[in-house]
C-alpha cells in the first residue's frame, strides 16, 4: 500500500511540459475536476487535424510568456462551476510535479482571471494520492526548496 502525501490548502506546482515552475495552486476537494487559467482558447484545423490553441496564465504571473500552446490531444466536457452554471470546457492531459514526483493530470481550460489561484486541483486528481490538511500550506514547495 502506497502512503499518501499530506497536502495543504494551497501550494506551488510545476508543469514540465509547459516549462512552468512554482505556479500557485489551490486545493479544492469540493471541485471534481482540476482546471488551469488560460485565454484565447480556440479549436482550429491544422494539417487536417482538430487542434486546440491556447495561452496559459496571464501577465499577472511571473512565469507568464506569450507562447501559444497547441495540442491535438484534447476533449471537451460539461463542467458545473461553483456558482451552479454549466459550461463546455476543453480538457487536456499533461503532467504536474508535486512532492518531487510527476503525475499525469487532466486539466480543464478555464478563464480564471478573477480567481486568486491560476490552478485548481479537484478531487479526481487528489483521490488516492493525497490527504488534505487545511491547516497547512506549501508542503510540496517547502520540500522542493530544502
N, C-alpha and C. Protein backbone atom coordinates (compact mmCIF):
# COMPACT_ATOMS: atom_id res chain seq x y z
N UNK A 1 0.84 -1.18 0.00
CA UNK A 1 0.00 0.00 0.00
C UNK A 1 0.88 1.24 0.00
N UNK A 2 0.65 2.12 -0.94
CA UNK A 2 1.43 3.35 -1.06
C UNK A 2 0.91 4.38 -0.06
N UNK A 3 1.84 5.05 0.63
CA UNK A 3 1.42 6.08 1.57
C UNK A 3 1.07 7.36 0.81
N UNK A 4 0.11 8.07 1.35
CA UNK A 4 -0.34 9.31 0.72
C UNK A 4 0.41 10.48 1.32
N UNK A 5 0.75 11.45 0.47
CA UNK A 5 1.34 12.69 0.95
C UNK A 5 0.25 13.56 1.55
N UNK A 6 0.61 14.31 2.57
CA UNK A 6 -0.31 15.31 3.12
C UNK A 6 -0.08 16.58 2.32
N UNK A 7 -1.17 17.13 1.81
CA UNK A 7 -1.11 18.37 1.05
C UNK A 7 -1.96 19.40 1.78
N UNK A 8 -1.51 20.63 1.78
CA UNK A 8 -2.25 21.70 2.45
C UNK A 8 -3.31 22.31 1.57
N UNK A 9 -3.87 23.42 2.02
CA UNK A 9 -4.95 24.06 1.27
C UNK A 9 -4.46 24.79 0.03
N UNK A 10 -3.17 25.21 0.05
CA UNK A 10 -2.54 25.84 -1.11
C UNK A 10 -1.12 25.31 -1.24
N UNK A 11 -0.55 25.46 -2.43
CA UNK A 11 0.82 25.00 -2.64
C UNK A 11 1.32 25.62 -3.94
N UNK A 12 2.46 25.13 -4.41
CA UNK A 12 3.02 25.53 -5.70
C UNK A 12 3.42 24.26 -6.42
N UNK A 13 3.19 24.23 -7.73
CA UNK A 13 3.47 23.03 -8.52
C UNK A 13 4.20 23.41 -9.79
N UNK A 14 4.82 22.40 -10.39
CA UNK A 14 5.50 22.57 -11.68
C UNK A 14 4.71 21.83 -12.75
N UNK A 15 4.75 22.36 -13.95
CA UNK A 15 4.13 21.74 -15.12
C UNK A 15 5.20 21.63 -16.19
N UNK A 16 5.98 20.54 -16.16
CA UNK A 16 7.17 20.42 -17.02
C UNK A 16 6.90 20.55 -18.51
N UNK A 17 5.79 20.06 -19.00
CA UNK A 17 5.52 20.14 -20.44
C UNK A 17 5.34 21.59 -20.91
N UNK A 18 4.98 22.46 -20.00
CA UNK A 18 4.78 23.87 -20.34
C UNK A 18 5.91 24.76 -19.84
N UNK A 19 6.95 24.16 -19.26
CA UNK A 19 8.07 24.91 -18.67
C UNK A 19 7.60 25.91 -17.63
N UNK A 20 6.63 25.51 -16.82
CA UNK A 20 6.11 26.37 -15.75
C UNK A 20 6.54 25.80 -14.41
N UNK A 21 7.11 26.68 -13.57
CA UNK A 21 7.56 26.25 -12.25
C UNK A 21 6.97 27.15 -11.17
N UNK A 22 6.73 26.53 -10.01
CA UNK A 22 6.26 27.24 -8.82
C UNK A 22 4.98 28.03 -9.06
N UNK A 23 4.04 27.40 -9.73
CA UNK A 23 2.76 28.04 -10.03
C UNK A 23 1.82 27.82 -8.83
N UNK A 24 1.23 28.89 -8.30
CA UNK A 24 0.32 28.75 -7.16
C UNK A 24 -0.89 27.88 -7.50
N UNK A 25 -1.22 26.97 -6.60
CA UNK A 25 -2.37 26.09 -6.78
C UNK A 25 -3.25 26.14 -5.54
N UNK A 26 -4.54 25.95 -5.75
CA UNK A 26 -5.49 25.85 -4.65
C UNK A 26 -6.03 24.43 -4.64
N UNK A 27 -6.07 23.84 -3.48
CA UNK A 27 -6.60 22.50 -3.32
C UNK A 27 -8.10 22.65 -3.01
N UNK A 28 -8.93 21.99 -3.81
CA UNK A 28 -10.37 22.15 -3.64
C UNK A 28 -11.06 20.79 -3.74
N UNK A 29 -11.27 20.16 -2.60
CA UNK A 29 -11.91 18.84 -2.59
C UNK A 29 -13.39 18.93 -2.98
N UNK A 30 -13.93 20.13 -3.01
CA UNK A 30 -15.32 20.31 -3.44
C UNK A 30 -15.47 20.30 -4.95
N UNK A 31 -14.37 20.53 -5.65
CA UNK A 31 -14.39 20.51 -7.11
C UNK A 31 -14.04 19.11 -7.59
N UNK A 32 -14.75 18.63 -8.58
CA UNK A 32 -14.45 17.29 -9.11
C UNK A 32 -13.24 17.34 -10.03
N UNK A 33 -13.23 18.28 -10.98
CA UNK A 33 -12.14 18.36 -11.94
C UNK A 33 -11.12 19.41 -11.53
N UNK A 34 -9.96 19.33 -12.14
CA UNK A 34 -8.90 20.33 -11.94
C UNK A 34 -8.92 21.27 -13.14
N UNK A 35 -8.50 22.50 -12.92
CA UNK A 35 -8.51 23.46 -14.02
C UNK A 35 -7.30 24.37 -13.98
N UNK A 36 -7.00 24.94 -15.13
CA UNK A 36 -5.88 25.87 -15.27
C UNK A 36 -6.38 27.13 -15.97
N UNK A 37 -5.85 28.26 -15.56
CA UNK A 37 -6.22 29.53 -16.16
C UNK A 37 -5.57 29.67 -17.53
N UNK A 38 -6.39 29.95 -18.51
CA UNK A 38 -5.84 30.23 -19.84
C UNK A 38 -6.79 31.14 -20.61
N UNK A 39 -6.29 31.60 -21.72
CA UNK A 39 -7.08 32.52 -22.55
C UNK A 39 -6.88 32.17 -24.01
N UNK A 40 -7.61 32.85 -24.85
CA UNK A 40 -7.53 32.66 -26.30
C UNK A 40 -7.66 31.20 -26.69
N UNK A 41 -8.62 30.50 -26.08
CA UNK A 41 -8.85 29.09 -26.35
C UNK A 41 -9.64 28.99 -27.66
N UNK A 42 -9.07 28.26 -28.60
CA UNK A 42 -9.73 28.18 -29.90
C UNK A 42 -9.43 26.83 -30.55
N UNK A 43 -10.47 26.21 -31.06
CA UNK A 43 -10.32 24.96 -31.81
C UNK A 43 -10.17 25.31 -33.28
N UNK A 44 -9.11 24.80 -33.90
CA UNK A 44 -8.83 25.09 -35.31
C UNK A 44 -8.45 23.78 -36.02
N UNK A 45 -8.36 23.84 -37.33
CA UNK A 45 -7.91 22.70 -38.13
C UNK A 45 -6.50 23.03 -38.64
N UNK A 46 -5.54 22.16 -38.29
CA UNK A 46 -4.16 22.30 -38.76
C UNK A 46 -3.75 20.96 -39.36
N UNK A 47 -3.32 20.99 -40.60
CA UNK A 47 -2.96 19.75 -41.30
C UNK A 47 -4.07 18.70 -41.22
N UNK A 48 -5.29 19.16 -41.42
CA UNK A 48 -6.49 18.30 -41.42
C UNK A 48 -6.78 17.64 -40.08
N UNK A 49 -6.21 18.18 -38.99
CA UNK A 49 -6.45 17.64 -37.65
C UNK A 49 -7.07 18.72 -36.77
N UNK A 50 -8.05 18.30 -35.96
CA UNK A 50 -8.60 19.22 -34.96
C UNK A 50 -7.49 19.54 -33.96
N UNK A 51 -7.24 20.81 -33.75
CA UNK A 51 -6.16 21.25 -32.88
C UNK A 51 -6.68 22.33 -31.96
N UNK A 52 -6.22 22.30 -30.72
CA UNK A 52 -6.61 23.30 -29.73
C UNK A 52 -5.45 24.26 -29.53
N UNK A 53 -5.75 25.57 -29.66
CA UNK A 53 -4.77 26.62 -29.42
C UNK A 53 -5.17 27.35 -28.15
N UNK A 54 -4.17 27.70 -27.32
CA UNK A 54 -4.48 28.42 -26.09
C UNK A 54 -3.21 29.05 -25.51
N UNK A 55 -3.41 30.05 -24.65
CA UNK A 55 -2.34 30.69 -23.90
C UNK A 55 -2.56 30.38 -22.43
N UNK A 56 -1.51 30.00 -21.72
CA UNK A 56 -1.62 29.71 -20.29
C UNK A 56 -1.28 30.93 -19.45
N UNK A 57 -1.97 31.07 -18.35
CA UNK A 57 -1.76 32.15 -17.37
C UNK A 57 -2.00 33.50 -18.03
N UNK A 58 -1.54 34.56 -17.40
CA UNK A 58 -1.61 35.90 -17.96
C UNK A 58 -0.49 36.74 -17.36
N UNK A 59 -0.44 38.00 -17.70
CA UNK A 59 0.67 38.87 -17.31
C UNK A 59 0.86 39.00 -15.81
N UNK A 60 -0.14 38.67 -15.00
CA UNK A 60 -0.02 38.83 -13.55
C UNK A 60 0.85 37.75 -12.90
N UNK A 61 1.21 36.72 -13.64
CA UNK A 61 2.04 35.64 -13.11
C UNK A 61 3.44 35.75 -13.68
N UNK A 62 4.45 35.64 -12.79
CA UNK A 62 5.83 35.86 -13.24
C UNK A 62 6.29 34.85 -14.27
N UNK A 63 5.68 33.67 -14.33
CA UNK A 63 6.07 32.65 -15.29
C UNK A 63 5.36 32.81 -16.63
N UNK A 64 4.55 33.84 -16.77
CA UNK A 64 3.80 34.03 -18.00
C UNK A 64 4.74 34.28 -19.17
N UNK A 65 4.42 33.66 -20.28
CA UNK A 65 5.06 34.02 -21.54
C UNK A 65 3.97 34.05 -22.59
N UNK A 66 4.23 34.65 -23.69
CA UNK A 66 3.19 34.82 -24.70
C UNK A 66 3.10 33.62 -25.63
N UNK A 67 3.75 32.55 -25.27
CA UNK A 67 3.76 31.36 -26.12
C UNK A 67 2.36 30.79 -26.30
N UNK A 68 2.03 30.51 -27.54
CA UNK A 68 0.77 29.85 -27.85
C UNK A 68 1.02 28.35 -27.82
N UNK A 69 0.16 27.65 -27.10
CA UNK A 69 0.29 26.19 -26.99
C UNK A 69 -0.69 25.54 -27.95
N UNK A 70 -0.26 24.42 -28.53
CA UNK A 70 -1.08 23.66 -29.47
C UNK A 70 -1.12 22.21 -29.03
N UNK A 71 -2.29 21.60 -29.15
CA UNK A 71 -2.40 20.17 -28.91
C UNK A 71 -3.51 19.60 -29.77
N UNK A 72 -3.28 18.39 -30.25
CA UNK A 72 -4.36 17.71 -30.97
C UNK A 72 -4.91 16.56 -30.12
N UNK A 73 -4.46 16.51 -28.86
CA UNK A 73 -4.95 15.53 -27.90
C UNK A 73 -5.75 16.27 -26.84
N UNK A 74 -7.05 16.33 -27.05
CA UNK A 74 -7.92 17.05 -26.12
C UNK A 74 -9.34 16.51 -26.25
N UNK A 75 -10.14 16.86 -25.30
CA UNK A 75 -11.56 16.51 -25.34
C UNK A 75 -12.33 17.69 -24.77
N UNK A 76 -13.63 17.57 -24.72
CA UNK A 76 -14.43 18.61 -24.08
C UNK A 76 -15.42 17.94 -23.15
N UNK A 77 -15.85 18.67 -22.16
CA UNK A 77 -16.82 18.15 -21.21
C UNK A 77 -17.63 19.30 -20.64
N UNK A 78 -18.78 18.98 -20.09
CA UNK A 78 -19.60 19.99 -19.42
C UNK A 78 -19.19 20.01 -17.96
N UNK A 79 -18.85 21.19 -17.47
CA UNK A 79 -18.41 21.37 -16.09
C UNK A 79 -19.36 22.34 -15.41
N UNK A 80 -19.81 21.97 -14.22
CA UNK A 80 -20.68 22.85 -13.44
C UNK A 80 -19.80 23.61 -12.45
N UNK A 81 -19.78 24.93 -12.56
CA UNK A 81 -18.93 25.75 -11.69
C UNK A 81 -19.57 25.90 -10.32
N UNK A 82 -18.82 26.49 -9.41
CA UNK A 82 -19.29 26.64 -8.02
C UNK A 82 -20.53 27.53 -7.93
N UNK A 83 -20.75 28.37 -8.95
CA UNK A 83 -21.95 29.21 -8.93
C UNK A 83 -23.16 28.51 -9.56
N UNK A 84 -22.98 27.23 -9.93
CA UNK A 84 -24.09 26.43 -10.45
C UNK A 84 -24.30 26.50 -11.94
N UNK A 85 -23.48 27.26 -12.64
CA UNK A 85 -23.62 27.41 -14.09
C UNK A 85 -22.79 26.33 -14.79
N UNK A 86 -23.42 25.63 -15.74
CA UNK A 86 -22.72 24.61 -16.52
C UNK A 86 -22.17 25.22 -17.79
N UNK A 87 -20.96 24.81 -18.15
CA UNK A 87 -20.36 25.31 -19.39
C UNK A 87 -19.48 24.23 -20.01
N UNK A 88 -19.34 24.31 -21.33
CA UNK A 88 -18.46 23.39 -22.05
C UNK A 88 -17.02 23.89 -21.87
N UNK A 89 -16.14 22.96 -21.47
CA UNK A 89 -14.72 23.29 -21.34
C UNK A 89 -13.89 22.25 -22.06
N UNK A 90 -12.79 22.71 -22.59
CA UNK A 90 -11.83 21.79 -23.18
C UNK A 90 -10.99 21.19 -22.06
N UNK A 91 -10.53 19.96 -22.28
CA UNK A 91 -9.72 19.28 -21.28
C UNK A 91 -8.49 18.69 -21.96
N UNK A 92 -7.33 18.86 -21.30
CA UNK A 92 -6.08 18.33 -21.82
C UNK A 92 -5.45 17.41 -20.77
N UNK A 93 -4.58 16.55 -21.23
CA UNK A 93 -3.80 15.70 -20.34
C UNK A 93 -2.37 16.23 -20.34
N UNK A 94 -1.83 16.48 -19.17
CA UNK A 94 -0.45 16.95 -19.05
C UNK A 94 0.14 16.32 -17.80
N UNK A 95 1.24 16.87 -17.30
CA UNK A 95 1.87 16.37 -16.09
C UNK A 95 2.02 17.50 -15.08
N UNK A 96 1.95 17.12 -13.81
CA UNK A 96 2.15 18.05 -12.70
C UNK A 96 3.19 17.43 -11.77
N UNK A 97 4.07 18.26 -11.24
CA UNK A 97 5.07 17.79 -10.29
C UNK A 97 4.77 18.38 -8.92
N UNK A 98 4.55 17.47 -7.96
CA UNK A 98 4.31 17.80 -6.56
C UNK A 98 5.11 16.82 -5.72
N UNK A 99 5.69 17.28 -4.62
CA UNK A 99 6.46 16.43 -3.71
C UNK A 99 7.54 15.65 -4.47
N UNK A 100 8.17 16.33 -5.43
CA UNK A 100 9.26 15.77 -6.24
C UNK A 100 8.85 14.53 -7.03
N UNK A 101 7.56 14.41 -7.33
CA UNK A 101 7.06 13.30 -8.13
C UNK A 101 6.15 13.87 -9.22
N UNK A 102 6.25 13.31 -10.41
CA UNK A 102 5.43 13.79 -11.52
C UNK A 102 4.25 12.84 -11.74
N UNK A 103 3.06 13.44 -11.85
CA UNK A 103 1.81 12.71 -12.02
C UNK A 103 1.12 13.17 -13.31
N UNK A 104 0.41 12.28 -13.98
CA UNK A 104 -0.46 12.74 -15.08
C UNK A 104 -1.67 13.44 -14.47
N UNK A 105 -2.17 14.46 -15.15
CA UNK A 105 -3.33 15.19 -14.67
C UNK A 105 -4.16 15.70 -15.84
N UNK A 106 -5.47 15.54 -15.72
CA UNK A 106 -6.39 16.15 -16.67
C UNK A 106 -6.75 17.52 -16.15
N UNK A 107 -6.61 18.53 -17.00
CA UNK A 107 -6.93 19.91 -16.64
C UNK A 107 -7.96 20.45 -17.61
N UNK A 108 -9.02 21.05 -17.07
CA UNK A 108 -9.93 21.79 -17.95
C UNK A 108 -9.35 23.18 -18.12
N UNK A 109 -9.53 23.73 -19.30
CA UNK A 109 -9.03 25.07 -19.60
C UNK A 109 -10.14 26.06 -19.26
N UNK A 110 -9.79 27.01 -18.41
CA UNK A 110 -10.80 27.92 -17.88
C UNK A 110 -10.24 29.32 -17.74
N UNK A 111 -11.08 30.30 -18.00
CA UNK A 111 -10.71 31.70 -17.81
C UNK A 111 -10.88 31.99 -16.32
N UNK A 112 -9.75 32.13 -15.59
CA UNK A 112 -9.77 32.31 -14.14
C UNK A 112 -9.16 33.66 -13.73
N UNK A 113 -9.30 34.66 -14.56
CA UNK A 113 -8.70 35.97 -14.29
C UNK A 113 -9.09 36.51 -12.92
N UNK A 114 -10.33 36.35 -12.54
CA UNK A 114 -10.82 36.90 -11.28
C UNK A 114 -10.44 36.06 -10.07
N UNK A 115 -9.85 34.91 -10.30
CA UNK A 115 -9.50 34.00 -9.21
C UNK A 115 -8.08 34.27 -8.72
N UNK A 116 -7.86 34.06 -7.43
CA UNK A 116 -6.55 34.31 -6.83
C UNK A 116 -5.51 33.29 -7.30
N UNK A 117 -5.95 32.05 -7.55
CA UNK A 117 -5.03 30.98 -7.94
C UNK A 117 -5.30 30.56 -9.39
N UNK A 118 -4.26 30.46 -10.20
CA UNK A 118 -4.45 30.09 -11.60
C UNK A 118 -4.74 28.60 -11.81
N UNK A 119 -4.46 27.79 -10.79
CA UNK A 119 -4.68 26.34 -10.89
C UNK A 119 -5.56 25.91 -9.72
N UNK A 120 -6.54 25.08 -10.04
CA UNK A 120 -7.41 24.48 -9.02
C UNK A 120 -7.25 22.96 -9.16
N UNK A 121 -6.89 22.30 -8.06
CA UNK A 121 -6.79 20.84 -8.07
C UNK A 121 -8.03 20.25 -7.42
N UNK A 122 -8.77 19.48 -8.19
CA UNK A 122 -10.01 18.86 -7.72
C UNK A 122 -9.80 17.44 -7.23
N UNK A 123 -10.86 16.89 -6.69
CA UNK A 123 -10.75 15.59 -6.02
C UNK A 123 -10.48 14.43 -6.97
N UNK A 124 -10.81 14.54 -8.25
CA UNK A 124 -10.50 13.45 -9.18
C UNK A 124 -8.99 13.23 -9.24
N UNK A 125 -8.21 14.31 -9.22
CA UNK A 125 -6.76 14.18 -9.20
C UNK A 125 -6.24 13.82 -7.80
N UNK A 126 -6.79 14.44 -6.78
CA UNK A 126 -6.29 14.26 -5.41
C UNK A 126 -6.56 12.86 -4.85
N UNK A 127 -7.66 12.25 -5.28
CA UNK A 127 -8.10 10.97 -4.74
C UNK A 127 -7.02 9.89 -4.85
N UNK A 128 -6.79 9.19 -3.77
CA UNK A 128 -5.84 8.08 -3.64
C UNK A 128 -4.38 8.50 -3.71
N UNK A 129 -4.11 9.81 -3.80
CA UNK A 129 -2.73 10.30 -3.82
C UNK A 129 -2.39 11.15 -2.60
N UNK A 130 -3.39 11.92 -2.13
CA UNK A 130 -3.13 12.92 -1.10
C UNK A 130 -4.20 12.91 -0.01
N UNK A 131 -3.79 13.33 1.17
CA UNK A 131 -4.70 13.62 2.27
C UNK A 131 -4.58 15.12 2.50
N UNK A 132 -5.70 15.81 2.61
CA UNK A 132 -5.69 17.26 2.74
C UNK A 132 -5.73 17.66 4.20
N UNK A 133 -4.78 18.53 4.58
CA UNK A 133 -4.77 19.14 5.91
C UNK A 133 -4.92 20.64 5.69
N UNK A 134 -6.10 21.17 5.94
CA UNK A 134 -6.38 22.58 5.64
C UNK A 134 -5.63 23.56 6.54
N UNK A 135 -4.97 23.06 7.59
CA UNK A 135 -4.18 23.94 8.45
C UNK A 135 -2.77 24.16 7.89
N UNK A 136 -2.43 23.45 6.84
CA UNK A 136 -1.08 23.52 6.27
C UNK A 136 -1.10 24.20 4.91
N UNK A 137 0.08 24.65 4.47
CA UNK A 137 0.22 25.22 3.13
C UNK A 137 1.65 25.05 2.63
N UNK A 138 1.77 24.99 1.33
CA UNK A 138 3.06 24.93 0.62
C UNK A 138 3.97 23.77 1.06
N UNK A 139 3.42 22.63 1.39
CA UNK A 139 4.22 21.50 1.84
C UNK A 139 5.10 20.95 0.72
N UNK A 140 4.57 20.84 -0.48
CA UNK A 140 5.36 20.36 -1.61
C UNK A 140 6.46 21.35 -1.95
N UNK A 141 6.10 22.63 -1.98
CA UNK A 141 7.07 23.68 -2.31
C UNK A 141 8.19 23.73 -1.27
N UNK A 142 7.85 23.58 0.01
CA UNK A 142 8.88 23.58 1.07
C UNK A 142 9.82 22.40 0.90
N UNK A 143 9.30 21.24 0.54
CA UNK A 143 10.13 20.06 0.32
C UNK A 143 11.08 20.31 -0.87
N UNK A 144 10.57 20.93 -1.89
CA UNK A 144 11.36 21.22 -3.10
C UNK A 144 12.51 22.19 -2.81
N UNK A 145 12.28 23.14 -1.92
CA UNK A 145 13.27 24.19 -1.69
C UNK A 145 14.21 23.90 -0.53
N UNK A 146 14.10 22.72 0.09
CA UNK A 146 15.01 22.38 1.21
C UNK A 146 16.40 22.07 0.69
